[in-house]
Amino acid sequence: MPEELKTKEEFMATLSLASICYVKRVKNSDIVKLKLRTKKKLYTFKTTPEDANKIVSSLNIPVEEV
């Protein structure tokens, strides 16, 4: 089961453990889901499209649009 991260700070702290980040843009909604895949778990973080673009541009791991 994926674990949901509630804050941007939690997301950034978990980022060091992740190997890839998946970006899912939900149609007809103002939500973007960022998913971090670590060795053992999948973490999800829901945010706005503007914040997601800022976060994705600053990542240093591979990013894949889903």
C-alpha atoms as a PDB file:
ATOM      1  CA  MET A   1       0.000   0.000   0.000  1.00  0.00           C
ATOM      2  CA  PRO A   2       1.300   3.456  -0.832  1.00  0.00           C
ATOM      3  CA  GLU A   3       1.846   5.926   1.965  1.00  0.00           C
ATOM      4  CA  GLU A   4       0.528   9.463   1.549  1.00  0.00           C
ATOM      5  CA  LEU A   5       2.778  12.358   2.473  1.00  0.00           C
ATOM      6  CA  LYS A   6       0.857  15.361   3.793  1.00  0.00           C
ATOM      7  CA  THR A   7       3.413  18.199   3.546  1.00  0.00           C
ATOM      8  CA  LYS A   8       6.001  19.402   1.077  1.00  0.00           C
ATOM      9  CA  GLU A   9       8.683  19.069   3.778  1.00  0.00           C
ATOM     10  CA  GLU A  10       7.918  15.349   4.193  1.00  0.00           C
ATOM     11  CA  PHE A  11       8.098  14.940   0.408  1.00  0.00           C
ATOM     12  CA  MET A  12      11.481  16.662   0.193  1.00  0.00           C
ATOM     13  CA  ALA A  13      12.849  14.569   3.092  1.00  0.00           C
ATOM     14  CA  THR A  14      11.748  11.328   1.405  1.00  0.00           C
ATOM     15  CA  LEU A  15      13.221  12.458  -1.899  1.00  0.00           C
ATOM     16  CA  SER A  16      16.728  11.378  -0.905  1.00  0.00           C
ATOM     17  CA  LEU A  17      15.554   7.744  -0.654  1.00  0.00           C
ATOM     18  CA  ALA A  18      13.721   7.666  -3.993  1.00  0.00           C
ATOM     19  CA  SER A  19      14.988   6.255  -7.270  1.00  0.00           C
ATOM     20  CA  ILE A  20      12.305   7.735  -9.569  1.00  0.00           C
ATOM     21  CA  CYS A  21       9.427  10.204  -9.420  1.00  0.00           C
ATOM     22  CA  TYR A  22       6.175   9.627 -11.319  1.00  0.00           C
ATOM     23  CA  VAL A  23       3.936  12.595 -12.135  1.00  0.00           C
ATOM     24  CA  LYS A  24       0.218  11.993 -12.658  1.00  0.00           C
ATOM     25  CA  ARG A  25      -1.924  14.927 -13.719  1.00  0.00           C
ATOM     26  CA  VAL A  26      -5.564  14.234 -12.837  1.00  0.00           C
ATOM     27  CA  LYS A  27      -7.933  15.292 -15.621  1.00  0.00           C
ATOM     28  CA  ASN A  28     -10.686  17.822 -14.858  1.00  0.00           C
ATOM     29  CA  SER A  29      -9.123  18.626 -11.499  1.00  0.00           C
ATOM     30  CA  ASP A  30      -6.564  20.951  -9.944  1.00  0.00           C
ATOM     31  CA  ILE A  31      -4.589  18.084  -8.451  1.00  0.00           C
ATOM     32  CA  VAL A  32      -1.234  16.646  -9.452  1.00  0.00           C
ATOM     33  CA  LYS A  33      -0.013  13.464  -7.793  1.00  0.00           C
ATOM     34  CA  LEU A  34       3.717  13.053  -7.322  1.00  0.00           C
ATOM     35  CA  LYS A  35       4.768   9.488  -6.592  1.00  0.00           C
ATOM     36  CA  LEU A  36       8.173   8.588  -5.199  1.00  0.00           C
ATOM     37  CA  ARG A  37       9.360   5.009  -5.665  1.00  0.00           C
ATOM     38  CA  THR A  38      11.827   3.824  -3.040  1.00  0.00           C
ATOM     39  CA  LYS A  39      13.315   0.389  -2.664  1.00  0.00           C
ATOM     40  CA  LYS A  40      10.530  -0.812  -0.365  1.00  0.00           C
ATOM     41  CA  LYS A  41       7.625   1.643  -0.654  1.00  0.00           C
ATOM     42  CA  LEU A  42       5.685   4.001  -2.860  1.00  0.00           C
ATOM     43  CA  TYR A  43       4.973   7.455  -1.448  1.00  0.00           C
ATOM     44  CA  THR A  44       2.345   9.805  -2.896  1.00  0.00           C
ATOM     45  CA  PHE A  45       1.947  13.552  -2.526  1.00  0.00           C
ATOM     46  CA  LYS A  46      -1.001  15.600  -3.832  1.00  0.00           C
ATOM     47  CA  THR A  47      -0.383  19.212  -4.800  1.00  0.00           C
ATOM     48  CA  THR A  48      -1.422  21.995  -7.168  1.00  0.00           C
ATOM     49  CA  PRO A  49      -0.095  22.124 -10.743  1.00  0.00           C
ATOM     50  CA  GLU A  50       1.960  25.267 -10.011  1.00  0.00           C
ATOM     51  CA  ASP A  51       3.696  23.708  -6.996  1.00  0.00           C
ATOM     52  CA  ALA A  52       4.216  20.442  -8.876  1.00  0.00           C
ATOM     53  CA  ASN A  53       6.009  22.238 -11.719  1.00  0.00           C
ATOM     54  CA  LYS A  54       8.339  23.962  -9.228  1.00  0.00           C
ATOM     55  CA  ILE A  55       9.089  20.699  -7.437  1.00  0.00           C
ATOM     56  CA  VAL A  56       9.663  18.687 -10.626  1.00  0.00           C
ATOM     57  CA  SER A  57      12.031  21.299 -12.041  1.00  0.00           C
ATOM     58  CA  SER A  58      14.207  21.077  -8.919  1.00  0.00           C
ATOM     59  CA  LEU A  59      14.436  17.257  -8.778  1.00  0.00           C
ATOM     60  CA  ASN A  60      17.732  15.503  -9.424  1.00  0.00           C
ATOM     61  CA  ILE A  61      16.224  12.034 -10.004  1.00  0.00           C
ATOM     62  CA  PRO A  62      14.507  10.706 -13.160  1.00  0.00           C
ATOM     63  CA  VAL A  63      10.965  11.988 -13.682  1.00  0.00           C
ATOM     64  CA  GLU A  64       8.329  10.108 -15.683  1.00  0.00           C
ATOM     65  CA  GLU A  65       4.892  11.420 -16.690  1.00  0.00           C
ATOM     66  CA  VAL A  66       2.115   8.863 -16.192  1.00  0.00           C
END
